[in-house]
């Protein structure tokens, strides 16, 4: 993950935070100030309610990258609506 984030930063994308779910399978090489442990973050907020934000159905949700048949990555933008 650190290598992928370093590559993204070289291309101009800076990731502010990474949420890690600790399955206790191995040691986590946590980067201070960037990496957050999911269990600790949930514990910190307790039963706090968070208001949902309204989104337009055509607002971007995520980009799925696939190599397809050419071997070159292509980004497919998925929106929030059905």
PDB file of N, CA and C in Angstrom:
ATOM      1  N   UNK A   1       0.819  -1.170   0.000  1.00  0.00           N
ATOM      2  CA  UNK A   1       0.000   0.000   0.000  1.00  0.00           C
ATOM      3  C   UNK A   1       0.876   1.252   0.000  1.00  0.00           C
ATOM      4  N   UNK A   2       1.925   1.229   0.793  1.00  0.00           N
ATOM      5  CA  UNK A   2       2.812   2.390   0.851  1.00  0.00           C
ATOM      6  C   UNK A   2       3.422   2.695  -0.519  1.00  0.00           C
ATOM      7  N   UNK A   3       3.769   1.653  -1.267  1.00  0.00           N
ATOM      8  CA  UNK A   3       4.324   1.852  -2.607  1.00  0.00           C
ATOM      9  C   UNK A   3       3.298   2.485  -3.544  1.00  0.00           C
ATOM     10  N   UNK A   4       2.049   2.014  -3.464  1.00  0.00           N
ATOM     11  CA  UNK A   4       0.985   2.561  -4.307  1.00  0.00           C
ATOM     12  C   UNK A   4       0.721   4.024  -3.963  1.00  0.00           C
ATOM     13  N   UNK A   5       0.725   4.350  -2.680  1.00  0.00           N
ATOM     14  CA  UNK A   5       0.497   5.740  -2.270  1.00  0.00           C
ATOM     15  C   UNK A   5       1.662   6.638  -2.697  1.00  0.00           C
ATOM     16  N   UNK A   6       2.882   6.118  -2.642  1.00  0.00           N
ATOM     17  CA  UNK A   6       4.045   6.894  -3.089  1.00  0.00           C
ATOM     18  C   UNK A   6       3.962   7.160  -4.585  1.00  0.00           C
ATOM     19  N   UNK A   7       3.527   6.155  -5.348  1.00  0.00           N
ATOM     20  CA  UNK A   7       3.368   6.325  -6.792  1.00  0.00           C
ATOM     21  C   UNK A   7       2.272   7.347  -7.095  1.00  0.00           C
ATOM     22  N   UNK A   8       1.168   7.284  -6.363  1.00  0.00           N
ATOM     23  CA  UNK A   8       0.080   8.246  -6.559  1.00  0.00           C
ATOM     24  C   UNK A   8       0.553   9.665  -6.258  1.00  0.00           C
ATOM     25  N   UNK A   9       1.361   9.801  -5.203  1.00  0.00           N
ATOM     26  CA  UNK A   9       1.860  11.132  -4.841  1.00  0.00           C
ATOM     27  C   UNK A   9       2.786  11.678  -5.928  1.00  0.00           C
ATOM     28  N   UNK A  10       3.599  10.814  -6.535  1.00  0.00           N
ATOM     29  CA  UNK A  10       4.468  11.251  -7.639  1.00  0.00           C
ATOM     30  C   UNK A  10       3.644  11.774  -8.805  1.00  0.00           C
ATOM     31  N   UNK A  11       2.445  11.227  -8.962  1.00  0.00           N
ATOM     32  CA  UNK A  11       1.578  11.633 -10.069  1.00  0.00           C
ATOM     33  C   UNK A  11       0.622  12.758  -9.662  1.00  0.00           C
ATOM     34  N   UNK A  12       0.806  13.305  -8.441  1.00  0.00           N
ATOM     35  CA  UNK A  12       0.053  14.481  -8.041  1.00  0.00           C
ATOM     36  C   UNK A  12      -1.134  14.252  -7.127  1.00  0.00           C
ATOM     37  N   UNK A  13      -1.340  13.023  -6.642  1.00  0.00           N
ATOM     38  CA  UNK A  13      -2.453  12.743  -5.739  1.00  0.00           C
ATOM     39  C   UNK A  13      -1.916  12.460  -4.351  1.00  0.00           C
ATOM     40  N   UNK A  14      -2.272  13.303  -3.392  1.00  0.00           N
ATOM     41  CA  UNK A  14      -1.822  13.143  -2.003  1.00  0.00           C
ATOM     42  C   UNK A  14      -2.972  12.583  -1.176  1.00  0.00           C
ATOM     43  N   UNK A  15      -2.762  11.413  -0.565  1.00  0.00           N
ATOM     44  CA  UNK A  15      -3.763  10.785   0.290  1.00  0.00           C
ATOM     45  C   UNK A  15      -3.570  11.302   1.710  1.00  0.00           C
ATOM     46  N   UNK A  16      -4.635  11.847   2.296  1.00  0.00           N
ATOM     47  CA  UNK A  16      -4.530  12.417   3.640  1.00  0.00           C
ATOM     48  C   UNK A  16      -4.584  11.356   4.729  1.00  0.00           C
ATOM     49  N   UNK A  17      -5.483  10.380   4.588  1.00  0.00           N
ATOM     50  CA  UNK A  17      -5.662   9.368   5.624  1.00  0.00           C
ATOM     51  C   UNK A  17      -5.926   8.005   5.010  1.00  0.00           C
ATOM     52  N   UNK A  18      -5.461   6.978   5.722  1.00  0.00           N
ATOM     53  CA  UNK A  18      -5.726   5.600   5.347  1.00  0.00           C
ATOM     54  C   UNK A  18      -6.320   4.910   6.561  1.00  0.00           C
ATOM     55  N   UNK A  19      -7.478   4.282   6.386  1.00  0.00           N
ATOM     56  CA  UNK A  19      -8.111   3.561   7.483  1.00  0.00           C
ATOM     57  C   UNK A  19      -7.742   2.087   7.351  1.00  0.00           C
ATOM     58  N   UNK A  20      -7.174   1.533   8.414  1.00  0.00           N
ATOM     59  CA  UNK A  20      -6.711   0.147   8.418  1.00  0.00           C
ATOM     60  C   UNK A  20      -7.543  -0.654   9.405  1.00  0.00           C
ATOM     61  N   UNK A  21      -8.104  -1.768   8.940  1.00  0.00           N
ATOM     62  CA  UNK A  21      -8.811  -2.684   9.830  1.00  0.00           C
ATOM     63  C   UNK A  21      -7.787  -3.711  10.310  1.00  0.00           C
ATOM     64  N   UNK A  22      -7.495  -3.678  11.606  1.00  0.00           N
ATOM     65  CA  UNK A  22      -6.466  -4.543  12.174  1.00  0.00           C
ATOM     66  C   UNK A  22      -7.048  -5.920  12.477  1.00  0.00           C
ATOM     67  N   UNK A  23      -6.687  -6.908  11.676  1.00  0.00           N
ATOM     68  CA  UNK A  23      -7.164  -8.281  11.874  1.00  0.00           C
ATOM     69  C   UNK A  23      -6.235  -9.080  12.781  1.00  0.00           C
ATOM     70  N   UNK A  24      -5.220  -8.422  13.319  1.00  0.00           N
ATOM     71  CA  UNK A  24      -4.258  -9.050  14.232  1.00  0.00           C
ATOM     72  C   UNK A  24      -3.521 -10.216  13.567  1.00  0.00           C
ATOM     73  N   UNK A  25      -3.346 -10.146  12.260  1.00  0.00           N
ATOM     74  CA  UNK A  25      -2.668 -11.211  11.537  1.00  0.00           C
ATOM     75  C   UNK A  25      -1.166 -10.962  11.421  1.00  0.00           C
ATOM     76  N   UNK A  26      -0.777  -9.707  11.457  1.00  0.00           N
ATOM     77  CA  UNK A  26       0.618  -9.362  11.240  1.00  0.00           C
ATOM     78  C   UNK A  26       0.881  -7.988  11.858  1.00  0.00           C
ATOM     79  N   UNK A  27       2.106  -7.591  11.856  1.00  0.00           N
ATOM     80  CA  UNK A  27       2.477  -6.274  12.359  1.00  0.00           C
ATOM     81  C   UNK A  27       2.083  -5.216  11.344  1.00  0.00           C
ATOM     82  N   UNK A  28       1.558  -4.106  11.830  1.00  0.00           N
ATOM     83  CA  UNK A  28       1.184  -2.994  10.943  1.00  0.00           C
ATOM     84  C   UNK A  28       2.282  -1.945  10.999  1.00  0.00           C
ATOM     85  N   UNK A  29       2.834  -1.623   9.845  1.00  0.00           N
ATOM     86  CA  UNK A  29       3.816  -0.539   9.746  1.00  0.00           C
ATOM     87  C   UNK A  29       3.049   0.753   9.552  1.00  0.00           C
ATOM     88  N   UNK A  30       2.612   1.331  10.653  1.00  0.00           N
ATOM     89  CA  UNK A  30       1.746   2.508  10.632  1.00  0.00           C
ATOM     90  C   UNK A  30       2.562   3.770  10.361  1.00  0.00           C
ATOM     91  N   UNK A  31       2.051   4.603   9.456  1.00  0.00           N
ATOM     92  CA  UNK A  31       2.666   5.902   9.172  1.00  0.00           C
ATOM     93  C   UNK A  31       1.943   6.932  10.037  1.00  0.00           C
ATOM     94  N   UNK A  32       2.664   7.520  10.974  1.00  0.00           N
ATOM     95  CA  UNK A  32       2.084   8.492  11.898  1.00  0.00           C
ATOM     96  C   UNK A  32       1.508   9.677  11.144  1.00  0.00           C
ATOM     97  N   UNK A  33       0.317  10.093  11.525  1.00  0.00           N
ATOM     98  CA  UNK A  33      -0.333  11.233  10.903  1.00  0.00           C
ATOM     99  C   UNK A  33      -1.133  10.884   9.654  1.00  0.00           C
ATOM    100  N   UNK A  34      -0.973   9.670   9.137  1.00  0.00           N
ATOM    101  CA  UNK A  34      -1.725   9.250   7.955  1.00  0.00           C
ATOM    102  C   UNK A  34      -2.625   8.049   8.245  1.00  0.00           C
ATOM    103  N   UNK A  35      -2.069   7.025   8.858  1.00  0.00           N
ATOM    104  CA  UNK A  35      -2.790   5.770   9.055  1.00  0.00           C
ATOM    105  C   UNK A  35      -3.636   5.788  10.331  1.00  0.00           C
ATOM    106  N   UNK A  36      -4.887   5.383  10.181  1.00  0.00           N
ATOM    107  CA  UNK A  36      -5.818   5.319  11.302  1.00  0.00           C
ATOM    108  C   UNK A  36      -6.277   3.871  11.462  1.00  0.00           C
ATOM    109  N   UNK A  37      -6.314   3.389  12.709  1.00  0.00           N
ATOM    110  CA  UNK A  37      -6.782   2.033  12.971  1.00  0.00           C
ATOM    111  C   UNK A  37      -8.298   2.100  13.164  1.00  0.00           C
ATOM    112  N   UNK A  38      -9.022   1.357  12.348  1.00  0.00           N
ATOM    113  CA  UNK A  38     -10.490   1.384  12.336  1.00  0.00           C
ATOM    114  C   UNK A  38     -11.081   1.182  13.730  1.00  0.00           C
ATOM    115  N   UNK A  39     -10.626   0.160  14.436  1.00  0.00           N
ATOM    116  CA  UNK A  39     -11.193  -0.155  15.744  1.00  0.00           C
ATOM    117  C   UNK A  39     -11.040   1.012  16.728  1.00  0.00           C
ATOM    118  N   UNK A  40      -9.899   1.683  16.694  1.00  0.00           N
ATOM    119  CA  UNK A  40      -9.675   2.830  17.588  1.00  0.00           C
ATOM    120  C   UNK A  40     -10.559   4.012  17.202  1.00  0.00           C
ATOM    121  N   UNK A  41     -10.757   4.226  15.921  1.00  0.00           N
ATOM    122  CA  UNK A  41     -11.588   5.339  15.461  1.00  0.00           C
ATOM    123  C   UNK A  41     -13.052   5.125  15.840  1.00  0.00           C
ATOM    124  N   UNK A  42     -13.547   3.891  15.704  1.00  0.00           N
ATOM    125  CA  UNK A  42     -14.933   3.586  16.077  1.00  0.00           C
ATOM    126  C   UNK A  42     -15.115   3.746  17.578  1.00  0.00           C
ATOM    127  N   UNK A  43     -14.134   3.283  18.344  1.00  0.00           N
ATOM    128  CA  UNK A  43     -14.196   3.401  19.805  1.00  0.00           C
ATOM    129  C   UNK A  43     -14.227   4.871  20.232  1.00  0.00           C
ATOM    130  N   UNK A  44     -13.506   5.714  19.520  1.00  0.00           N
ATOM    131  CA  UNK A  44     -13.417   7.134  19.876  1.00  0.00           C
ATOM    132  C   UNK A  44     -14.744   7.870  19.701  1.00  0.00           C
ATOM    133  N   UNK A  45     -15.562   7.459  18.730  1.00  0.00           N
ATOM    134  CA  UNK A  45     -16.819   8.161  18.491  1.00  0.00           C
ATOM    135  C   UNK A  45     -17.999   7.530  19.223  1.00  0.00           C
ATOM    136  N   UNK A  46     -17.826   6.314  19.727  1.00  0.00           N
ATOM    137  CA  UNK A  46     -18.902   5.664  20.483  1.00  0.00           C
ATOM    138  C   UNK A  46     -20.160   5.505  19.652  1.00  0.00           C
ATOM    139  N   UNK A  47     -21.285   5.941  20.200  1.00  0.00           N
ATOM    140  CA  UNK A  47     -22.577   5.820  19.525  1.00  0.00           C
ATOM    141  C   UNK A  47     -22.997   7.114  18.829  1.00  0.00           C
ATOM    142  N   UNK A  48     -22.032   7.936  18.460  1.00  0.00           N
ATOM    143  CA  UNK A  48     -22.340   9.216  17.825  1.00  0.00           C
ATOM    144  C   UNK A  48     -23.106   8.995  16.518  1.00  0.00           C
ATOM    145  N   UNK A  49     -24.110   9.798  16.310  1.00  0.00           N
ATOM    146  CA  UNK A  49     -24.889   9.743  15.074  1.00  0.00           C
ATOM    147  C   UNK A  49     -24.301  10.740  14.073  1.00  0.00           C
ATOM    148  N   UNK A  50     -24.191  10.307  12.860  1.00  0.00           N
ATOM    149  CA  UNK A  50     -23.658  11.160  11.800  1.00  0.00           C
ATOM    150  C   UNK A  50     -24.753  11.360  10.765  1.00  0.00           C
ATOM    151  N   UNK A  51     -25.011  12.604  10.431  1.00  0.00           N
ATOM    152  CA  UNK A  51     -26.030  12.914   9.448  1.00  0.00           C
ATOM    153  C   UNK A  51     -25.514  12.572   8.050  1.00  0.00           C
ATOM    154  N   UNK A  52     -26.337  11.908   7.289  1.00  0.00           N
ATOM    155  CA  UNK A  52     -25.971  11.572   5.906  1.00  0.00           C
ATOM    156  C   UNK A  52     -25.974  12.841   5.058  1.00  0.00           C
ATOM    157  N   UNK A  53     -25.126  12.859   4.059  1.00  0.00           N
ATOM    158  CA  UNK A  53     -25.139  13.987   3.133  1.00  0.00           C
ATOM    159  C   UNK A  53     -25.862  13.560   1.864  1.00  0.00           C
ATOM    160  N   UNK A  54     -26.678  14.448   1.371  1.00  0.00           N
ATOM    161  CA  UNK A  54     -27.440  14.157   0.169  1.00  0.00           C
ATOM    162  C   UNK A  54     -26.530  14.281  -1.047  1.00  0.00           C
ATOM    163  N   UNK A  55     -26.666  13.332  -1.967  1.00  0.00           N
ATOM    164  CA  UNK A  55     -25.861  13.319  -3.181  1.00  0.00           C
ATOM    165  C   UNK A  55     -26.775  13.257  -4.395  1.00  0.00           C
ATOM    166  N   UNK A  56     -26.327  13.841  -5.479  1.00  0.00           N
ATOM    167  CA  UNK A  56     -27.049  13.689  -6.747  1.00  0.00           C
ATOM    168  C   UNK A  56     -26.746  12.288  -7.284  1.00  0.00           C
ATOM    169  N   UNK A  57     -27.668  11.725  -8.036  1.00  0.00           N
ATOM    170  CA  UNK A  57     -27.467  10.366  -8.532  1.00  0.00           C
ATOM    171  C   UNK A  57     -26.298  10.260  -9.501  1.00  0.00           C
ATOM    172  N   UNK A  58     -25.912  11.375 -10.117  1.00  0.00           N
ATOM    173  CA  UNK A  58     -24.786  11.320 -11.046  1.00  0.00           C
ATOM    174  C   UNK A  58     -23.476  11.818 -10.428  1.00  0.00           C
ATOM    175  N   UNK A  59     -23.452  12.040  -9.104  1.00  0.00           N
ATOM    176  CA  UNK A  59     -22.206  12.400  -8.426  1.00  0.00           C
ATOM    177  C   UNK A  59     -21.255  11.198  -8.441  1.00  0.00           C
ATOM    178  N   UNK A  60     -19.956  11.431  -8.630  1.00  0.00           N
ATOM    179  CA  UNK A  60     -19.014  10.313  -8.655  1.00  0.00           C
ATOM    180  C   UNK A  60     -18.900   9.636  -7.292  1.00  0.00           C
ATOM    181  N   UNK A  61     -18.803   8.312  -7.303  1.00  0.00           N
ATOM    182  CA  UNK A  61     -18.661   7.529  -6.073  1.00  0.00           C
ATOM    183  C   UNK A  61     -17.251   6.958  -5.963  1.00  0.00           C
ATOM    184  N   UNK A  62     -16.784   6.294  -7.012  1.00  0.00           N
ATOM    185  CA  UNK A  62     -15.431   5.755  -7.032  1.00  0.00           C
ATOM    186  C   UNK A  62     -15.006   5.491  -8.478  1.00  0.00           C
ATOM    187  N   UNK A  63     -13.700   5.277  -8.652  1.00  0.00           N
ATOM    188  CA  UNK A  63     -13.164   4.930  -9.965  1.00  0.00           C
ATOM    189  C   UNK A  63     -12.578   3.525  -9.859  1.00  0.00           C
ATOM    190  N   UNK A  64     -13.024   2.645 -10.734  1.00  0.00           N
ATOM    191  CA  UNK A  64     -12.538   1.266 -10.781  1.00  0.00           C
ATOM    192  C   UNK A  64     -11.571   1.160 -11.952  1.00  0.00           C
ATOM    193  N   UNK A  65     -10.336   0.789 -11.654  1.00  0.00           N
ATOM    194  CA  UNK A  65      -9.339   0.664 -12.714  1.00  0.00           C
ATOM    195  C   UNK A  65      -9.220  -0.786 -13.159  1.00  0.00           C
ATOM    196  N   UNK A  66      -9.193  -0.991 -14.464  1.00  0.00           N
ATOM    197  CA  UNK A  66      -9.055  -2.323 -15.034  1.00  0.00           C
ATOM    198  C   UNK A  66      -8.105  -2.231 -16.222  1.00  0.00           C
ATOM    199  N   UNK A  67      -7.395  -3.319 -16.499  1.00  0.00           N
ATOM    200  CA  UNK A  67      -6.458  -3.291 -17.620  1.00  0.00           C
ATOM    201  C   UNK A  67      -7.144  -3.671 -18.924  1.00  0.00           C
ATOM    202  N   UNK A  68      -8.298  -4.328 -18.846  1.00  0.00           N
ATOM    203  CA  UNK A  68      -9.000  -4.716 -20.069  1.00  0.00           C
ATOM    204  C   UNK A  68      -8.160  -5.671 -20.904  1.00  0.00           C
ATOM    205  N   UNK A  69      -8.346  -5.642 -22.197  1.00  0.00           N
ATOM    206  CA  UNK A  69      -7.620  -6.562 -23.079  1.00  0.00           C
ATOM    207  C   UNK A  69      -6.328  -5.958 -23.607  1.00  0.00           C
ATOM    208  N   UNK A  70      -6.144  -4.648 -23.425  1.00  0.00           N
ATOM    209  CA  UNK A  70      -4.947  -3.984 -23.971  1.00  0.00           C
ATOM    210  C   UNK A  70      -3.772  -4.007 -23.000  1.00  0.00           C
ATOM    211  N   UNK A  71      -4.032  -4.288 -21.734  1.00  0.00           N
ATOM    212  CA  UNK A  71      -2.974  -4.265 -20.740  1.00  0.00           C
ATOM    213  C   UNK A  71      -2.687  -2.878 -20.208  1.00  0.00           C
ATOM    214  N   UNK A  72      -3.429  -1.878 -20.689  1.00  0.00           N
ATOM    215  CA  UNK A  72      -3.270  -0.510 -20.197  1.00  0.00           C
ATOM    216  C   UNK A  72      -4.422  -0.183 -19.256  1.00  0.00           C
ATOM    217  N   UNK A  73      -4.130   0.413 -18.095  1.00  0.00           N
ATOM    218  CA  UNK A  73      -5.205   0.714 -17.137  1.00  0.00           C
ATOM    219  C   UNK A  73      -6.229   1.703 -17.698  1.00  0.00           C
ATOM    220  N   UNK A  74      -7.488   1.405 -17.440  1.00  0.00           N
ATOM    221  CA  UNK A  74      -8.577   2.307 -17.812  1.00  0.00           C
ATOM    222  C   UNK A  74      -9.420   2.531 -16.568  1.00  0.00           C
ATOM    223  N   UNK A  75      -9.800   3.762 -16.336  1.00  0.00           N
ATOM    224  CA  UNK A  75     -10.635   4.079 -15.184  1.00  0.00           C
ATOM    225  C   UNK A  75     -12.105   4.124 -15.564  1.00  0.00           C
ATOM    226  N   UNK A  76     -12.922   3.398 -14.814  1.00  0.00           N
ATOM    227  CA  UNK A  76     -14.374   3.428 -15.017  1.00  0.00           C
ATOM    228  C   UNK A  76     -14.979   4.163 -13.828  1.00  0.00           C
ATOM    229  N   UNK A  77     -15.610   5.302 -14.103  1.00  0.00           N
ATOM    230  CA  UNK A  77     -16.198   6.117 -13.051  1.00  0.00           C
ATOM    231  C   UNK A  77     -17.600   5.599 -12.730  1.00  0.00           C
ATOM    232  N   UNK A  78     -17.824   5.245 -11.464  1.00  0.00           N
ATOM    233  CA  UNK A  78     -19.141   4.801 -11.011  1.00  0.00           C
ATOM    234  C   UNK A  78     -19.812   5.954 -10.276  1.00  0.00           C
ATOM    235  N   UNK A  79     -21.108   6.106 -10.516  1.00  0.00           N
ATOM    236  CA  UNK A  79     -21.826   7.185  -9.824  1.00  0.00           C
ATOM    237  C   UNK A  79     -22.624   6.625  -8.645  1.00  0.00           C
ATOM    238  N   UNK A  80     -23.213   7.527  -7.879  1.00  0.00           N
ATOM    239  CA  UNK A  80     -23.904   7.125  -6.648  1.00  0.00           C
ATOM    240  C   UNK A  80     -25.297   6.570  -6.913  1.00  0.00           C
ATOM    241  N   UNK A  81     -25.896   6.896  -8.047  1.00  0.00           N
ATOM    242  CA  UNK A  81     -27.269   6.493  -8.326  1.00  0.00           C
ATOM    243  C   UNK A  81     -27.373   5.127  -8.969  1.00  0.00           C
ATOM    244  N   UNK A  82     -28.610   4.606  -8.988  1.00  0.00           N
ATOM    245  CA  UNK A  82     -28.841   3.289  -9.599  1.00  0.00           C
ATOM    246  C   UNK A  82     -28.746   3.322 -11.118  1.00  0.00           C
TER     247      UNK A  82
END
